[in-house]
N, C-alpha and C. Protein backbone atom coordinates (compact mmCIF):
# COMPACT_ATOMS: atom_id res chain seq x y z
N UNK A 1 71.78 -66.63 40.88
CA UNK A 1 71.33 -65.30 40.56
C UNK A 1 70.57 -64.87 39.52
N UNK A 2 71.26 -66.03 38.06
CA UNK A 2 70.31 -65.70 37.03
C UNK A 2 68.98 -66.07 37.14
N UNK A 3 68.91 -67.23 37.97
CA UNK A 3 67.22 -67.97 37.68
C UNK A 3 66.55 -66.99 38.70
N UNK A 4 66.74 -65.94 39.36
CA UNK A 4 65.91 -65.17 39.85
C UNK A 4 65.76 -63.86 39.29
N UNK A 5 66.77 -63.67 38.47
CA UNK A 5 66.38 -62.62 37.17
C UNK A 5 64.95 -62.87 36.17
N UNK A 6 65.10 -64.37 36.25
CA UNK A 6 64.02 -64.66 34.95
C UNK A 6 62.86 -64.79 35.86
N UNK A 7 62.90 -65.07 36.89
CA UNK A 7 61.61 -64.94 37.82
C UNK A 7 61.29 -63.77 37.91
N UNK A 8 62.24 -62.84 38.05
CA UNK A 8 61.60 -61.33 38.42
C UNK A 8 61.22 -61.05 36.62
N UNK A 9 61.97 -61.15 35.62
CA UNK A 9 61.42 -60.70 34.59
C UNK A 9 60.05 -61.72 34.16
N UNK A 10 59.95 -62.68 34.37
CA UNK A 10 58.56 -63.40 34.25
C UNK A 10 57.49 -62.77 34.88
N UNK A 11 57.40 -62.53 36.12
CA UNK A 11 56.73 -61.78 36.83
C UNK A 11 56.48 -60.21 36.57
N UNK A 12 57.27 -59.49 35.93
CA UNK A 12 56.71 -58.53 35.37
C UNK A 12 56.27 -58.58 33.99
N UNK A 13 56.47 -59.59 33.14
CA UNK A 13 55.65 -59.85 31.72
C UNK A 13 54.76 -59.95 32.22
N UNK A 14 54.31 -60.95 33.33
CA UNK A 14 52.88 -61.66 33.79
C UNK A 14 52.13 -60.18 34.03
N UNK A 15 52.45 -59.16 34.68
CA UNK A 15 51.86 -58.06 35.10
C UNK A 15 51.49 -57.17 33.96
N UNK A 16 52.70 -57.43 33.13
CA UNK A 16 51.78 -56.58 31.83
C UNK A 16 51.01 -56.73 31.05
N UNK A 17 50.93 -58.59 30.82
CA UNK A 17 50.12 -58.99 30.72
C UNK A 17 48.77 -58.70 31.14
N UNK A 18 48.74 -59.01 32.38
CA UNK A 18 47.32 -58.89 33.05
C UNK A 18 46.53 -57.10 32.85
N UNK A 19 47.90 -56.48 33.09
CA UNK A 19 47.24 -54.70 32.80
C UNK A 19 46.76 -55.01 31.58
N UNK A 20 47.28 -55.54 30.47
CA UNK A 20 46.65 -55.26 29.31
C UNK A 20 45.53 -55.81 29.30
N UNK A 21 45.24 -56.65 29.50
CA UNK A 21 43.91 -57.89 29.79
C UNK A 21 42.85 -57.09 30.26
N UNK A 22 43.42 -56.68 31.28
CA UNK A 22 41.91 -56.00 32.25
C UNK A 22 41.36 -54.70 31.50
N UNK A 23 42.82 -53.92 30.68
CA UNK A 23 42.15 -52.21 30.47
C UNK A 23 41.75 -53.08 29.11
N UNK A 24 41.92 -53.90 28.43
CA UNK A 24 41.12 -54.60 27.02
C UNK A 24 39.67 -55.02 27.50
N UNK A 25 40.01 -55.54 28.49
CA UNK A 25 38.08 -56.22 29.14
C UNK A 25 37.32 -55.51 29.67
N UNK A 26 37.68 -54.02 29.97
CA UNK A 26 36.88 -53.29 30.95
C UNK A 26 37.00 -51.43 30.43
N UNK A 27 36.22 -51.04 30.01
CA UNK A 27 36.50 -49.64 29.44
C UNK A 27 36.64 -48.47 30.58
N UNK A 28 36.26 -48.86 31.76
CA UNK A 28 36.05 -47.93 32.59
C UNK A 28 37.44 -47.83 33.31
N UNK A 29 38.15 -49.13 33.14
CA UNK A 29 39.45 -49.19 34.01
C UNK A 29 40.45 -47.93 33.50
N UNK A 30 41.24 -47.61 34.39
CA UNK A 30 42.41 -46.70 33.92
C UNK A 30 43.42 -47.08 34.83
N UNK A 31 44.49 -46.08 34.12
CA UNK A 31 45.99 -46.51 34.96
C UNK A 31 46.71 -45.40 34.97
N UNK A 32 47.15 -44.66 36.13
CA UNK A 32 47.38 -43.65 36.07
C UNK A 32 48.89 -43.26 35.76
N UNK A 33 49.54 -41.95 35.47
CA UNK A 33 50.77 -41.72 34.95
C UNK A 33 51.74 -42.37 35.98
N UNK A 34 51.91 -42.29 37.20
CA UNK A 34 52.65 -42.86 37.81
C UNK A 34 52.87 -44.49 37.72
N UNK A 35 52.28 -45.19 37.56
CA UNK A 35 52.05 -46.59 37.26
C UNK A 35 52.90 -46.65 35.87
N UNK A 36 52.45 -45.88 34.94
CA UNK A 36 52.72 -46.23 33.40
C UNK A 36 54.29 -45.89 33.37
N UNK A 37 55.02 -44.67 34.22
CA UNK A 37 55.99 -44.53 34.47
C UNK A 37 56.88 -45.37 34.95
N UNK A 38 56.68 -46.04 35.91
CA UNK A 38 57.19 -46.73 36.65
C UNK A 38 57.40 -48.54 36.15
N UNK A 39 56.21 -48.46 35.29
CA UNK A 39 56.09 -49.74 34.15
C UNK A 39 57.08 -49.72 33.20
N UNK A 40 57.34 -48.04 32.77
CA UNK A 40 58.38 -48.17 31.26
C UNK A 40 59.70 -48.18 31.83
N UNK A 41 59.88 -47.68 33.26
CA UNK A 41 61.27 -47.65 34.13
C UNK A 41 61.37 -49.70 34.44
N UNK A 42 60.75 -50.43 34.70
CA UNK A 42 60.94 -51.40 34.94
C UNK A 42 61.70 -52.20 33.74
N UNK A 43 60.51 -52.06 32.47
CA UNK A 43 60.61 -52.67 31.28
C UNK A 43 62.39 -52.58 31.01
N UNK A 44 62.36 -51.12 30.91
CA UNK A 44 63.62 -50.47 30.44
C UNK A 44 64.81 -51.13 30.91
N UNK A 45 65.20 -51.12 32.29
CA UNK A 45 65.45 -51.64 33.23
C UNK A 45 66.43 -52.70 33.18
N UNK A 46 65.34 -53.78 32.79
CA UNK A 46 64.86 -55.17 32.74
C UNK A 46 65.65 -55.83 31.20
N UNK A 47 65.15 -54.82 29.67
CA UNK A 47 65.40 -55.19 28.92
C UNK A 47 66.89 -55.23 28.48
N UNK A 48 67.55 -53.55 29.45
CA UNK A 48 68.77 -53.37 29.06
C UNK A 48 69.80 -54.00 29.80
N UNK A 49 69.88 -55.38 31.02
CA UNK A 49 70.14 -55.70 32.10
C UNK A 49 70.87 -56.74 31.08
N UNK A 50 71.98 -56.67 31.09
CA UNK A 50 72.51 -58.29 30.41
C UNK A 50 72.64 -59.59 31.16
N UNK A 51 71.94 -60.46 30.45
CA UNK A 51 70.88 -61.96 31.15
C UNK A 51 71.68 -62.71 29.73
N UNK A 52 71.65 -64.24 30.13
CA UNK A 52 71.77 -65.59 29.22
C UNK A 52 70.35 -65.19 28.76
N UNK A 53 69.53 -64.92 29.35
CA UNK A 53 67.89 -65.24 28.82
C UNK A 53 67.01 -63.98 29.23
N UNK A 54 66.83 -62.93 28.07
CA UNK A 54 66.29 -62.43 28.09
C UNK A 54 64.46 -62.60 28.05
N UNK A 55 63.93 -62.42 29.17
CA UNK A 55 62.30 -62.28 28.83
C UNK A 55 62.03 -61.44 28.38
N UNK A 56 62.14 -60.11 28.88
CA UNK A 56 61.79 -58.84 28.78
C UNK A 56 62.33 -58.40 27.14
N UNK A 57 61.85 -57.91 26.32
CA UNK A 57 62.49 -57.96 25.20
C UNK A 57 61.52 -56.78 24.23
N UNK A 58 61.91 -56.42 23.22
CA UNK A 58 61.36 -55.35 22.39
C UNK A 58 59.45 -55.51 22.48
N UNK A 59 58.95 -56.61 22.55
CA UNK A 59 57.65 -56.76 22.61
C UNK A 59 56.96 -56.24 23.92
N UNK A 60 57.67 -56.16 25.31
CA UNK A 60 56.86 -55.60 26.09
C UNK A 60 57.49 -53.65 26.12
N UNK A 61 58.76 -53.78 25.79
CA UNK A 61 58.34 -52.16 25.54
C UNK A 61 57.34 -51.60 24.75
N UNK A 62 56.70 -52.17 23.59
CA UNK A 62 55.63 -52.23 22.76
C UNK A 62 54.59 -52.13 23.50
N UNK A 63 54.51 -53.00 24.60
CA UNK A 63 53.46 -53.73 25.27
C UNK A 63 52.92 -52.29 26.23
N UNK A 64 53.96 -51.72 26.64
CA UNK A 64 53.81 -50.83 27.92
C UNK A 64 53.57 -49.45 27.12
N UNK A 65 54.01 -49.21 26.01
CA UNK A 65 53.91 -48.24 25.32
C UNK A 65 52.40 -48.08 24.72
N UNK A 66 51.45 -49.16 24.07
CA UNK A 66 50.35 -49.39 23.56
C UNK A 66 49.35 -49.40 25.12
N UNK A 67 49.75 -49.61 26.38
CA UNK A 67 49.02 -49.51 27.35
C UNK A 67 48.94 -47.97 27.86
N UNK A 68 50.14 -47.21 27.73
CA UNK A 68 50.15 -46.15 27.90
C UNK A 68 49.20 -45.22 26.77
N UNK A 69 49.24 -45.46 25.43
CA UNK A 69 48.66 -45.08 24.33
C UNK A 69 47.44 -44.92 24.94
N UNK A 70 46.39 -46.19 25.16
CA UNK A 70 45.16 -46.70 25.67
C UNK A 70 44.86 -46.09 26.84
N UNK A 71 45.46 -45.38 27.53
CA UNK A 71 45.32 -44.66 28.97
C UNK A 71 44.94 -43.47 28.82
N UNK A 72 46.25 -42.75 27.69
CA UNK A 72 45.98 -41.52 27.19
C UNK A 72 44.50 -40.90 26.52
N UNK A 73 44.20 -42.19 25.27
CA UNK A 73 43.11 -41.93 24.71
C UNK A 73 41.91 -41.94 25.44
N UNK A 74 41.80 -42.88 26.65
CA UNK A 74 40.15 -42.61 27.51
C UNK A 74 40.54 -41.41 28.14
N UNK A 75 41.89 -40.79 28.85
CA UNK A 75 41.47 -39.30 29.35
C UNK A 75 41.37 -38.51 28.91
N UNK A 76 41.40 -38.15 27.55
CA UNK A 76 40.93 -37.67 26.21
C UNK A 76 39.86 -37.43 25.63
N UNK A 77 39.08 -38.83 25.83
CA UNK A 77 38.09 -39.41 25.18
C UNK A 77 38.09 -39.40 23.88
N UNK A 78 39.13 -40.06 23.60
CA UNK A 78 39.33 -39.90 22.10
C UNK A 78 38.76 -41.70 21.67
N UNK A 79 37.98 -41.64 20.82
CA UNK A 79 37.44 -42.80 20.63
C UNK A 79 38.43 -43.57 19.71
N UNK A 80 38.45 -42.98 18.67
CA UNK A 80 39.39 -43.66 17.45
C UNK A 80 40.94 -44.16 18.28
N UNK A 81 41.27 -43.10 19.23
CA UNK A 81 42.76 -43.65 19.52
C UNK A 81 42.36 -45.02 20.25
N UNK A 82 41.27 -44.89 21.18
CA UNK A 82 41.27 -45.96 21.56
C UNK A 82 41.27 -47.43 21.46
N UNK A 83 40.06 -47.26 20.32
CA UNK A 83 40.14 -48.59 19.15
C UNK A 83 41.25 -48.55 18.86
N UNK A 84 42.24 -47.71 18.18
CA UNK A 84 43.52 -48.32 17.95
C UNK A 84 44.40 -48.97 18.41
N UNK A 85 44.53 -48.68 20.11
CA UNK A 85 45.31 -48.96 21.10
C UNK A 85 44.68 -50.15 21.43
N UNK A 86 43.56 -50.48 21.25
CA UNK A 86 43.11 -51.92 22.06
C UNK A 86 43.55 -52.46 20.92
N UNK A 87 43.30 -52.45 19.22
CA UNK A 87 43.79 -53.65 18.31
C UNK A 87 45.01 -53.55 18.61
N UNK A 88 45.76 -52.49 19.09
CA UNK A 88 47.57 -53.12 18.91
C UNK A 88 47.78 -53.63 19.93
N UNK A 89 46.88 -53.44 20.85
CA UNK A 89 47.25 -54.27 22.60
C UNK A 89 46.66 -55.79 22.39
N UNK A 90 45.89 -56.05 21.46
CA UNK A 90 45.45 -57.62 21.57
C UNK A 90 46.16 -58.33 20.93
N UNK A 91 46.94 -57.37 19.73
CA UNK A 91 47.93 -58.46 18.94
C UNK A 91 49.06 -58.29 20.05
N UNK A 92 49.78 -57.71 20.74
CA UNK A 92 51.37 -57.12 21.27
C UNK A 92 51.02 -58.29 22.81
N UNK A 93 49.53 -58.04 23.55
CA UNK A 93 49.52 -59.51 24.54
C UNK A 93 49.35 -60.43 24.11
N UNK A 94 49.11 -60.71 22.78
CA UNK A 94 49.49 -62.59 22.46
C UNK A 94 50.26 -62.59 22.23
N UNK A 95 51.39 -61.98 21.57
CA UNK A 95 52.78 -62.07 21.68
C UNK A 95 53.75 -62.41 22.71
N UNK A 96 53.36 -61.55 24.16
CA UNK A 96 54.09 -61.55 25.23
C UNK A 96 53.21 -62.55 25.89
N UNK A 97 52.49 -63.23 25.71
CA UNK A 97 51.60 -64.61 26.23
C UNK A 97 52.14 -65.77 25.94
N UNK A 98 52.68 -65.61 24.35
CA UNK A 98 53.52 -66.22 23.66
C UNK A 98 55.17 -66.97 24.34
N UNK A 99 55.33 -65.61 24.87
CA UNK A 99 57.14 -65.34 25.32
C UNK A 99 56.84 -65.64 26.95
N UNK A 100 55.82 -65.39 27.40
CA UNK A 100 55.99 -65.51 28.86
C UNK A 100 55.45 -67.34 28.80
N UNK A 101 54.74 -68.01 28.22
CA UNK A 101 54.35 -69.27 28.82
C UNK A 101 55.95 -70.12 28.20
N UNK A 102 56.74 -69.79 26.92
CA UNK A 102 57.82 -69.97 26.86
C UNK A 102 59.20 -70.32 27.99
N UNK A 103 58.79 -68.89 28.22
CA UNK A 103 59.87 -68.51 29.38
C UNK A 103 59.59 -69.54 30.52
N UNK A 104 58.19 -69.84 31.01
CA UNK A 104 58.17 -70.33 32.04
C UNK A 104 58.10 -71.92 32.23
N UNK A 105 58.28 -72.53 30.96
CA UNK A 105 58.71 -73.88 30.53
C UNK A 105 60.06 -73.70 30.65
N UNK A 106 61.00 -72.81 30.32
CA UNK A 106 61.93 -72.98 29.90
C UNK A 106 62.63 -72.87 31.81
N UNK A 107 61.83 -72.18 32.30
CA UNK A 107 62.31 -72.26 33.93
C UNK A 107 61.96 -73.25 34.75
N UNK A 108 60.90 -74.00 34.33
CA UNK A 108 60.46 -75.07 35.06
C UNK A 108 61.84 -76.21 34.79
N UNK A 109 62.37 -76.04 33.77
CA UNK A 109 63.19 -77.44 33.17
C UNK A 109 64.48 -77.47 33.61
């Protein structure tokens, strides 16, 4: 059961990183409110589920909030807000990628 939860966490973090990568690389790409709410709920649920190894942590929560900030800035056509969100996303997605790679290595052992 624990291994299945870790695989699920890895898949969720990978999905968040891919979304962040695509949003940063493609300015015309947008994510909807329903998708953001679903991702927030998934992150919150996994983050606060007791487990020996928590792959989903504070960084993942920050990443989904930055994804939301970027989406809202693009909707409002707020260039300054978009640039700031991209800057934060670039940093957070690197932290999450490091966490993701470490979790994959641990799961492979």
